[in-house]
Amino acid sequence: MDTCSFDYPSGKFLEITGTQVFCTNCHLEGEGDAFTFSLLMIGVNGGTLVLKGGKFMMNSATPNYPSLADVQASSGNTKGGGLLIEGMFL
């Protein structure tokens, strides 16, 4: 995805399972006090999320979420997985 926008979701921003997602120059914004779970979830063998450029903004002085991302992607010899954030304003 290029130059996309995810604004004020009611659930997780992204939940990636067993696939690869690449976001370039995207804008993610939400209420930080509205979440009690991690905002991004990456799981299963090969689950990969790459965020390059753009902004990730949580508008709250008292956030409730435990972490930005919950990464449970397996890394094996055949497929790796995980989260890469590069040049993104947090």
Protein backbone atom coordinates (compact mmCIF):
# COMPACT_ATOMS: atom_id res chain seq x y z
CA MET A 1 0.00 0.00 0.00
CA ASP A 2 1.30 3.42 -0.84
CA THR A 3 0.13 6.73 0.63
CA CYS A 4 -2.78 5.12 2.51
CA SER A 5 -4.65 6.28 5.60
CA PHE A 6 -6.13 4.33 8.53
CA ASP A 7 -7.99 6.69 10.85
CA TYR A 8 -9.68 5.96 14.20
CA PRO A 9 -10.42 2.22 13.86
CA SER A 10 -12.69 0.45 16.34
CA GLY A 11 -10.35 -2.57 16.51
CA LYS A 12 -6.69 -3.28 15.78
CA PHE A 13 -5.11 -1.13 13.11
CA LEU A 14 -3.66 -4.15 11.31
CA GLU A 15 -3.75 -7.88 12.05
CA ILE A 16 -1.29 -9.73 9.79
CA THR A 17 -1.31 -13.55 9.86
CA GLY A 18 0.86 -15.67 7.57
CA THR A 19 1.29 -13.04 4.85
CA GLN A 20 3.41 -9.99 4.08
CA VAL A 21 2.14 -6.39 4.09
CA PHE A 22 4.20 -3.41 2.96
CA CYS A 23 2.99 0.13 3.76
CA THR A 24 4.86 3.15 2.39
CA ASN A 25 4.12 6.76 3.41
CA CYS A 26 0.93 5.77 5.22
CA HIS A 27 -0.89 7.66 7.97
CA LEU A 28 -2.24 5.74 10.98
CA GLU A 29 -4.12 7.74 13.60
CA GLY A 30 -6.37 6.91 16.55
CA GLU A 31 -7.38 7.60 20.14
CA GLY A 32 -4.69 6.13 22.40
CA ASP A 33 -6.99 5.81 25.39
CA ALA A 34 -9.59 3.78 23.42
CA PHE A 35 -7.45 0.62 23.13
CA THR A 36 -6.63 -1.95 25.82
CA PHE A 37 -4.72 -4.23 23.40
CA SER A 38 -1.71 -3.86 21.10
CA LEU A 39 -2.43 -1.77 18.02
CA LEU A 40 -0.68 -4.07 15.53
CA MET A 41 -0.67 -7.89 15.56
CA ILE A 42 1.72 -9.94 13.48
CA GLY A 43 1.50 -13.71 13.76
CA VAL A 44 1.94 -17.12 12.18
CA ASN A 45 4.98 -18.31 10.21
CA GLY A 46 5.81 -15.66 7.63
CA GLY A 47 3.63 -12.88 9.09
CA THR A 48 5.47 -9.69 8.16
CA LEU A 49 4.62 -6.00 8.38
CA VAL A 50 6.90 -3.33 6.92
CA LEU A 51 6.08 0.33 7.64
CA LYS A 52 8.27 2.82 5.72
CA GLY A 53 7.80 6.57 6.07
CA GLY A 54 4.53 8.19 7.06
CA LYS A 55 3.12 8.79 10.53
CA PHE A 56 1.67 6.68 13.36
CA MET A 57 -0.13 9.00 15.78
CA MET A 58 -2.09 8.09 18.90
CA ASN A 59 -3.86 11.13 20.28
CA SER A 60 -3.97 10.73 24.04
CA ALA A 61 -2.04 11.92 27.07
CA THR A 62 -2.96 8.68 28.91
CA PRO A 63 -2.71 5.71 26.50
CA ASN A 64 -4.17 2.36 27.65
CA TYR A 65 -2.60 0.01 25.11
CA PRO A 66 0.19 -2.28 26.42
CA SER A 67 2.45 -1.96 23.36
CA LEU A 68 2.51 -0.73 19.81
CA ALA A 69 2.82 -4.25 18.39
CA ASP A 70 2.28 -7.85 19.43
CA VAL A 71 4.69 -9.86 17.28
CA GLN A 72 4.20 -13.63 17.44
CA ALA A 73 5.43 -14.47 13.95
CA SER A 74 7.54 -17.59 13.73
CA SER A 75 10.90 -17.41 12.05
CA GLY A 76 11.96 -20.64 10.42
CA ASN A 77 14.33 -21.72 7.67
CA THR A 78 11.58 -21.43 5.05
CA LYS A 79 9.85 -18.21 6.15
CA GLY A 80 10.77 -15.38 8.43
CA GLY A 81 8.38 -13.00 10.09
CA GLY A 82 8.24 -9.85 12.12
CA LEU A 83 7.90 -6.08 12.09
CA LEU A 84 10.11 -3.46 10.45
CA ILE A 85 9.47 0.25 11.06
CA GLU A 86 11.77 2.53 9.09
CA GLY A 87 11.62 6.31 8.84
CA MET A 88 8.13 6.54 10.33
CA PHE A 89 7.17 9.32 12.74
CA LEU A 90 5.79 7.73 15.92
